[in-house]
Protein backbone atom coordinates (compact mmCIF):
# COMPACT_ATOMS: atom_id res chain seq x y z
CA UNK A 1 -120.49 57.96 23.40
CA UNK A 2 -122.69 61.23 24.27
CA UNK A 3 -124.43 62.23 27.67
CA UNK A 4 -128.19 63.08 27.47
CA UNK A 5 -129.82 64.65 30.07
CA UNK A 6 -133.63 63.91 30.77
CA UNK A 7 -136.55 65.19 32.95
CA UNK A 8 -138.79 62.75 34.99
CA UNK A 9 -142.10 63.22 36.27
CA UNK A 10 -144.57 61.05 38.70
CA UNK A 11 -148.47 61.09 39.45
CA UNK A 12 -151.21 58.98 40.60
CA UNK A 13 -154.81 58.45 40.35
CA UNK A 14 -157.73 56.21 41.55
CA UNK A 15 -159.85 54.75 38.99
CA UNK A 16 -162.28 51.86 38.21
CA UNK A 17 -162.26 49.43 35.34
CA UNK A 18 -163.60 46.17 33.89
CA UNK A 19 -161.35 44.44 31.65
CA UNK A 20 -164.22 42.67 29.39
CA UNK A 21 -161.82 41.07 26.86
CA UNK A 22 -160.92 38.78 30.07
CA UNK A 23 -162.43 35.28 30.55
CA UNK A 24 -165.57 36.07 32.73
CA UNK A 25 -164.10 34.09 35.51
CA UNK A 26 -160.92 36.36 35.37
CA UNK A 27 -161.39 38.74 38.78
CA UNK A 28 -160.46 41.82 36.62
CA UNK A 29 -163.22 40.95 34.18
CA UNK A 30 -165.94 42.27 36.43
CA UNK A 31 -165.76 46.25 37.64
CA UNK A 32 -163.14 46.84 40.16
CA UNK A 33 -160.31 49.55 41.24
CA UNK A 34 -156.90 50.51 41.51
CA UNK A 35 -154.52 52.97 43.03
CA UNK A 36 -152.14 53.62 39.56
CA UNK A 37 -148.89 55.32 39.32
CA UNK A 38 -147.52 56.70 35.83
CA UNK A 39 -144.48 57.85 35.13
CA UNK A 40 -142.92 59.75 32.02
CA UNK A 41 -139.47 60.50 30.84
CA UNK A 42 -138.43 62.84 28.10
CA UNK A 43 -135.18 64.61 26.59
CA UNK A 44 -134.70 67.55 28.76
CA UNK A 45 -134.65 69.41 25.14
CA UNK A 46 -138.34 68.28 24.26
CA UNK A 47 -139.41 71.09 26.92
CA UNK A 48 -139.53 74.76 25.97
CA UNK A 49 -139.39 75.22 29.69
CA UNK A 50 -137.39 78.67 30.94
CA UNK A 51 -134.06 77.71 32.18
CA UNK A 52 -134.24 75.54 35.52
CA UNK A 53 -137.98 75.10 35.39
CA UNK A 54 -138.18 71.73 32.94
CA UNK A 55 -139.22 69.44 35.58
CA UNK A 56 -142.13 71.99 36.64
CA UNK A 57 -143.02 72.16 33.34
CA UNK A 58 -143.23 68.26 32.72
CA UNK A 59 -145.00 67.82 36.32
CA UNK A 60 -147.57 70.04 35.11
CA UNK A 61 -148.32 68.97 31.95
CA UNK A 62 -148.56 65.09 33.77
CA UNK A 63 -150.42 66.42 35.79
CA UNK A 64 -153.37 67.74 33.66
CA UNK A 65 -152.96 65.05 31.36
CA UNK A 66 -153.91 62.76 34.63
CA UNK A 67 -157.00 64.69 35.43
CA UNK A 68 -159.71 63.00 33.25
CA UNK A 69 -158.29 59.59 34.98
CA UNK A 70 -159.14 60.73 38.39
CA UNK A 71 -162.02 58.75 40.00
CA UNK A 72 -163.17 57.96 36.45
CA UNK A 73 -164.98 55.11 34.93
CA UNK A 74 -161.83 54.13 32.54
CA UNK A 75 -164.67 52.01 30.33
CA UNK A 76 -166.36 55.67 29.20
CA UNK A 77 -162.50 56.73 28.14
CA UNK A 78 -161.62 53.25 26.45
CA UNK A 79 -163.47 49.96 25.46
CA UNK A 80 -160.49 47.93 26.91
CA UNK A 81 -158.64 49.99 29.51
CA UNK A 82 -155.81 47.74 30.34
CA UNK A 83 -152.58 48.80 31.28
CA UNK A 84 -151.00 49.62 28.15
CA UNK A 85 -153.92 51.05 26.76
CA UNK A 86 -154.09 53.42 29.31
CA UNK A 87 -150.22 54.24 28.92
CA UNK A 88 -150.71 54.68 25.54
CA UNK A 89 -153.51 57.58 26.11
CA UNK A 90 -151.84 59.16 28.77
CA UNK A 91 -148.77 59.65 25.96
CA UNK A 92 -150.68 61.23 23.53
CA UNK A 93 -152.09 63.77 26.12
CA UNK A 94 -148.45 65.15 27.05
CA UNK A 95 -148.54 67.90 24.44
CA UNK A 96 -145.11 68.48 22.45
CA UNK A 97 -143.57 65.86 24.49
CA UNK A 98 -145.87 62.69 23.58
CA UNK A 99 -144.14 61.78 20.88
CA UNK A 100 -140.54 61.65 23.00
CA UNK A 101 -142.05 60.37 25.97
CA UNK A 102 -141.10 56.75 27.63
CA UNK A 103 -144.18 55.98 29.76
CA UNK A 104 -144.40 53.64 32.80
CA UNK A 105 -148.05 52.84 34.35
CA UNK A 106 -148.21 50.60 37.41
CA UNK A 107 -151.67 49.51 38.53
CA UNK A 108 -150.30 48.06 41.21
CA UNK A 109 -146.62 48.01 42.66
CA UNK A 110 -146.04 45.17 41.38
CA UNK A 111 -147.59 44.93 37.45
CA UNK A 112 -147.75 47.30 34.83
CA UNK A 113 -146.20 48.48 31.61
CA UNK A 114 -143.67 50.46 30.23
CA UNK A 115 -142.64 51.60 26.96
CA UNK A 116 -140.05 54.09 24.75
CA UNK A 117 -140.76 55.95 22.00
CA UNK A 118 -141.44 53.55 19.14
CA UNK A 119 -141.41 50.40 21.17
CA UNK A 120 -143.38 47.94 22.31
CA UNK A 121 -145.39 48.24 25.54
CA UNK A 122 -143.22 45.90 27.85
CA UNK A 123 -145.41 43.70 30.55
CA UNK A 124 -143.59 44.18 33.81
CA UNK A 125 -144.41 41.94 37.02
CA UNK A 126 -142.47 42.07 40.22
CA UNK A 127 -142.41 38.92 42.72
CA UNK A 128 -140.86 38.24 46.21
CA UNK A 129 -138.57 35.73 47.51
CA UNK A 130 -136.88 34.48 50.98
CA UNK A 131 -133.87 33.39 50.66
CA UNK A 132 -130.06 33.44 52.22
CA UNK A 133 -126.81 33.62 50.59
CA UNK A 134 -123.30 34.28 51.52
CA UNK A 135 -120.13 35.58 48.40
CA UNK A 136 -117.61 33.02 48.91
CA UNK A 137 -115.15 34.96 46.80
CA UNK A 138 -114.93 38.43 48.64
CA UNK A 139 -111.73 39.18 50.31
CA UNK A 140 -111.35 37.98 53.80
CA UNK A 141 -113.93 40.37 56.43
CA UNK A 142 -116.29 41.86 54.26
CA UNK A 143 -119.66 41.50 55.14
CA UNK A 144 -121.08 39.72 52.32
CA UNK A 145 -118.74 36.74 53.44
CA UNK A 146 -121.08 36.09 56.16
CA UNK A 147 -124.27 33.89 55.88
CA UNK A 148 -126.67 36.50 55.63
CA UNK A 149 -129.97 37.32 53.44
CA UNK A 150 -132.56 39.05 52.03
CA UNK A 151 -136.12 39.94 50.95
CA UNK A 152 -135.29 39.64 47.37
CA UNK A 153 -137.51 41.16 44.38
CA UNK A 154 -137.68 39.94 41.19
CA UNK A 155 -138.78 42.20 38.02
CA UNK A 156 -139.52 41.12 34.67
CA UNK A 157 -139.81 43.16 31.76
CA UNK A 158 -141.48 41.18 28.13
CA UNK A 159 -143.26 42.30 25.35
CA UNK A 160 -146.49 40.52 23.99
CA UNK A 161 -147.43 38.82 26.74
CA UNK A 162 -149.69 39.39 30.11
CA UNK A 163 -148.82 39.17 33.32
CA UNK A 164 -150.56 35.87 34.00
CA UNK A 165 -148.22 34.57 31.81
CA UNK A 166 -145.09 36.08 33.42
CA UNK A 167 -146.41 34.77 36.58
CA UNK A 168 -146.96 31.04 34.97
CA UNK A 169 -143.09 30.99 33.63
CA UNK A 170 -141.77 32.43 36.98
CA UNK A 171 -143.85 29.86 39.29
CA UNK A 172 -141.45 26.85 39.10
CA UNK A 173 -138.46 29.33 39.41
CA UNK A 174 -140.03 30.44 42.77
CA UNK A 175 -140.33 27.36 44.34
CA UNK A 176 -136.79 26.86 43.93
CA UNK A 177 -135.63 29.96 44.99
CA UNK A 178 -138.23 30.73 48.08
CA UNK A 179 -136.88 29.75 51.48
CA UNK A 180 -133.36 28.34 50.71
CA UNK A 181 -129.71 28.96 50.86
CA UNK A 182 -128.95 29.90 47.17
CA UNK A 183 -125.72 28.91 47.42
CA UNK A 184 -127.03 25.45 47.18
CA UNK A 185 -128.53 25.49 44.13
CA UNK A 186 -126.67 24.70 40.99
CA UNK A 187 -125.10 27.55 39.16
CA UNK A 188 -125.57 30.31 42.37
CA UNK A 189 -122.29 28.99 43.77
CA UNK A 190 -121.63 32.84 43.78
CA UNK A 191 -124.90 34.49 44.24
CA UNK A 192 -124.38 38.02 43.76
CA UNK A 193 -127.42 39.98 42.67
CA UNK A 194 -126.14 40.31 38.83
CA UNK A 195 -125.36 36.39 38.83
CA UNK A 196 -128.75 35.62 40.16
CA UNK A 197 -130.22 38.16 37.55
CA UNK A 198 -128.32 36.09 34.82
CA UNK A 199 -129.15 32.90 36.19
CA UNK A 200 -132.69 33.63 36.32
CA UNK A 201 -132.51 34.98 32.42
CA UNK A 202 -130.96 31.79 31.33
CA UNK A 203 -134.04 29.94 32.58
CA UNK A 204 -136.79 31.80 31.31
CA UNK A 205 -135.77 32.84 28.03
CA UNK A 206 -135.56 29.48 26.25
CA UNK A 207 -139.73 29.44 26.78
CA UNK A 208 -139.78 33.04 26.74
CA UNK A 209 -138.25 34.98 23.79
CA UNK A 210 -139.70 38.22 24.22
CA UNK A 211 -138.40 38.64 27.56
CA UNK A 212 -136.19 42.00 27.91
CA UNK A 213 -135.02 42.58 31.27
CA UNK A 214 -134.32 40.79 34.87
CA UNK A 215 -134.21 43.43 37.64
CA UNK A 216 -132.86 41.65 40.90
CA UNK A 217 -134.00 44.16 43.68
CA UNK A 218 -131.31 42.74 47.24
CA UNK A 219 -132.42 45.93 49.48
CA UNK A 220 -134.49 48.93 48.81
CA UNK A 221 -131.78 50.67 47.82
CA UNK A 222 -129.61 48.45 45.31
CA UNK A 223 -130.18 46.32 42.36
CA UNK A 224 -128.89 44.65 39.59
CA UNK A 225 -130.47 44.17 35.89
CA UNK A 226 -129.07 42.35 33.17
CA UNK A 227 -130.53 42.38 29.57
CA UNK A 228 -129.07 38.89 28.05
CA UNK A 229 -126.07 41.08 27.36
CA UNK A 230 -125.15 43.82 29.36
CA UNK A 231 -125.31 44.46 33.21
CA UNK A 232 -126.24 47.23 35.09
CA UNK A 233 -126.39 47.86 39.08
CA UNK A 234 -127.74 50.79 40.98
CA UNK A 235 -127.31 52.44 44.61
CA UNK A 236 -129.74 55.25 45.81
CA UNK A 237 -128.86 57.51 48.32
CA UNK A 238 -131.03 59.89 50.36
CA UNK A 239 -129.63 63.91 49.93
CA UNK A 240 -131.39 66.73 52.39
CA UNK A 241 -130.07 69.66 51.34
CA UNK A 242 -130.93 73.70 51.33
CA UNK A 243 -131.45 75.09 47.51
CA UNK A 244 -132.34 78.21 46.15
CA UNK A 245 -132.79 78.91 42.11
CA UNK A 246 -131.25 81.39 40.85
CA UNK A 247 -132.73 81.51 37.59
CA UNK A 248 -136.49 80.93 39.09
CA UNK A 249 -139.17 83.99 38.54
CA UNK A 250 -138.01 86.59 40.82
CA UNK A 251 -140.75 86.38 44.27
CA UNK A 252 -141.74 82.57 43.09
CA UNK A 253 -141.35 79.70 45.41
CA UNK A 254 -138.07 78.29 44.01
CA UNK A 255 -136.40 81.46 44.02
CA UNK A 256 -136.63 81.47 47.92
CA UNK A 257 -134.44 79.59 49.97
CA UNK A 258 -136.05 76.18 50.78
CA UNK A 259 -135.15 72.85 51.45
CA UNK A 260 -135.37 69.53 49.10
CA UNK A 261 -135.21 65.79 50.15
CA UNK A 262 -133.53 64.06 47.05
CA UNK A 263 -133.50 61.05 46.16
CA UNK A 264 -130.47 59.76 44.04
CA UNK A 265 -129.86 56.84 42.00
CA UNK A 266 -126.62 56.33 40.62
CA UNK A 267 -126.22 53.43 37.84
CA UNK A 268 -123.20 51.67 37.06
CA UNK A 269 -122.74 49.41 34.09
CA UNK A 270 -119.11 46.98 33.00
CA UNK A 271 -118.33 43.75 31.89
CA UNK A 272 -118.36 41.51 35.30
CA UNK A 273 -115.77 40.46 37.06
CA UNK A 274 -115.79 36.58 36.45
CA UNK A 275 -114.09 36.15 40.13
CA UNK A 276 -116.18 38.24 42.38
CA UNK A 277 -119.33 38.23 40.28
CA UNK A 278 -120.21 42.04 40.21
CA UNK A 279 -120.09 45.02 38.19
CA UNK A 280 -118.81 47.09 41.03
CA UNK A 281 -119.40 45.86 44.17
CA UNK A 282 -122.23 48.16 46.12
CA UNK A 283 -120.09 48.84 49.32
CA UNK A 284 -117.14 50.52 47.27
CA UNK A 285 -119.78 52.78 45.37
CA UNK A 286 -120.90 54.03 48.53
CA UNK A 287 -117.48 54.57 49.68
CA UNK A 288 -116.16 56.27 46.59
CA UNK A 289 -119.23 58.79 46.49
CA UNK A 290 -118.91 59.63 49.73
CA UNK A 291 -116.63 62.27 49.70
CA UNK A 292 -119.28 63.99 47.14
CA UNK A 293 -121.93 63.05 49.26
CA UNK A 294 -120.56 64.83 52.58
CA UNK A 295 -120.34 67.90 50.13
CA UNK A 296 -124.29 67.76 49.09
CA UNK A 297 -125.78 66.33 52.32
CA UNK A 298 -127.50 68.20 54.58
CA UNK A 299 -125.62 71.27 52.88
CA UNK A 300 -126.46 74.85 51.46
CA UNK A 301 -125.94 73.77 47.44
CA UNK A 302 -126.29 77.24 46.52
CA UNK A 303 -122.98 77.80 48.13
CA UNK A 304 -120.90 74.98 45.97
CA UNK A 305 -118.37 76.80 44.02
CA UNK A 306 -118.79 75.75 40.12
CA UNK A 307 -122.46 74.62 40.54
CA UNK A 308 -124.31 77.20 37.96
CA UNK A 309 -127.57 77.00 40.05
CA UNK A 310 -129.77 74.10 42.46
CA UNK A 311 -132.34 73.02 39.94
CA UNK A 312 -132.76 69.66 40.22
CA UNK A 313 -131.77 69.29 35.78
CA UNK A 314 -128.49 71.27 36.65
CA UNK A 315 -127.71 69.61 40.05
CA UNK A 316 -128.26 66.27 38.40
CA UNK A 317 -125.75 67.30 35.70
CA UNK A 318 -122.83 68.37 38.26
CA UNK A 319 -123.33 65.22 40.16
CA UNK A 320 -122.79 63.04 36.87
CA UNK A 321 -119.91 65.05 36.10
CA UNK A 322 -117.91 65.39 39.54
CA UNK A 323 -118.39 61.39 40.16
CA UNK A 324 -117.53 60.24 36.35
CA UNK A 325 -113.57 60.33 37.77
CA UNK A 326 -114.13 57.99 40.79
CA UNK A 327 -116.51 55.93 39.10
CA UNK A 328 -115.58 55.52 35.63
CA UNK A 329 -118.39 52.77 35.12
CA UNK A 330 -121.02 55.33 35.60
CA UNK A 331 -124.02 55.11 33.04
CA UNK A 332 -126.59 57.23 34.37
CA UNK A 333 -128.15 58.76 37.38
CA UNK A 334 -131.28 59.75 38.28
CA UNK A 335 -132.14 62.80 40.78
CA UNK A 336 -135.75 62.82 41.93
CA UNK A 337 -137.00 65.74 43.90
CA UNK A 338 -139.25 64.91 46.71
CA UNK A 339 -142.35 64.48 44.97
CA UNK A 340 -140.75 61.73 42.73
CA UNK A 341 -140.32 63.82 39.91
CA UNK A 342 -136.69 65.28 38.60
CA UNK A 343 -133.88 65.19 36.22
CA UNK A 344 -130.97 62.82 35.10
CA UNK A 345 -128.10 61.81 32.73
CA UNK A 346 -127.47 58.86 30.27
CA UNK A 347 -124.70 57.83 28.50
CA UNK A 348 -125.73 56.59 24.96
CA UNK A 349 -128.48 54.22 24.75
CA UNK A 350 -128.43 53.58 28.30
CA UNK A 351 -131.50 54.72 30.58
CA UNK A 352 -131.34 54.63 34.39
CA UNK A 353 -134.11 51.92 36.16
């Protein structure tokens, strides 16, 4: 399968709206406001930027597209400015990248829509519950074998339904999962994030046939996603590094020695281990990545032999290739700059969540 590079950009805007197509008793029917967040992802070849400047071009394009929405009355732009209509409006204003842009728009941190080019808009809804668990099949001494717990978050994505419908389907499961020991629930004897995602899928899918995926966030830096057939996990790392972009325009800020706080997400996909109940142990991912992490964190990246440049897109591709020997399950990665924009790589049809 081929590797594909992509660029991603993130922006925010504050705006007011009414959703007159909703029932008059719905709180969103009347005038209200949101702090919206938008993220777009395009193939790297979709932009005509000079080498090393693709992330900046996409960031500037998104910023320009969002400008009419900032502190606006959205009903003056759209008759029914719900999340899907706004996301479509935004996609159409991304210039040459519009036809190839995946867009995610969140009206709150826990709800929004996401859509790939040519695909339907998926409603996304995030829920939280508090639960204890332990993993009975891990080797002796493994910390996850001890009784512990998490503030879990679950994100559901489905086409053709609104957020209230997702809430209604989730409610019976919430009452079963919140403030309990997960191991006591039938089917969750070994409640890894992957097993929990599949357990939720199996109970939602019969009544929600447009369900696209279930993601379980165990911590702020790790999680798992199940789409009915495939599992993918991710683990995040923070990198504080010194960079200097050689191919940047002479005298421009990127060409000068400076620093970046990167957020790196490694994504891995493989068949589930039927005994341990996971794709890969999150702890093993951290251990296997550690030698490369030590080469990147608190280091001058422009001194690394074999690294052509330190722009984010080049760096993301270099990290991906360097990781594959130790992490053969690697299905993609996303490397974000300090402003939430960045680049990544994915294998085949997979895209990092």
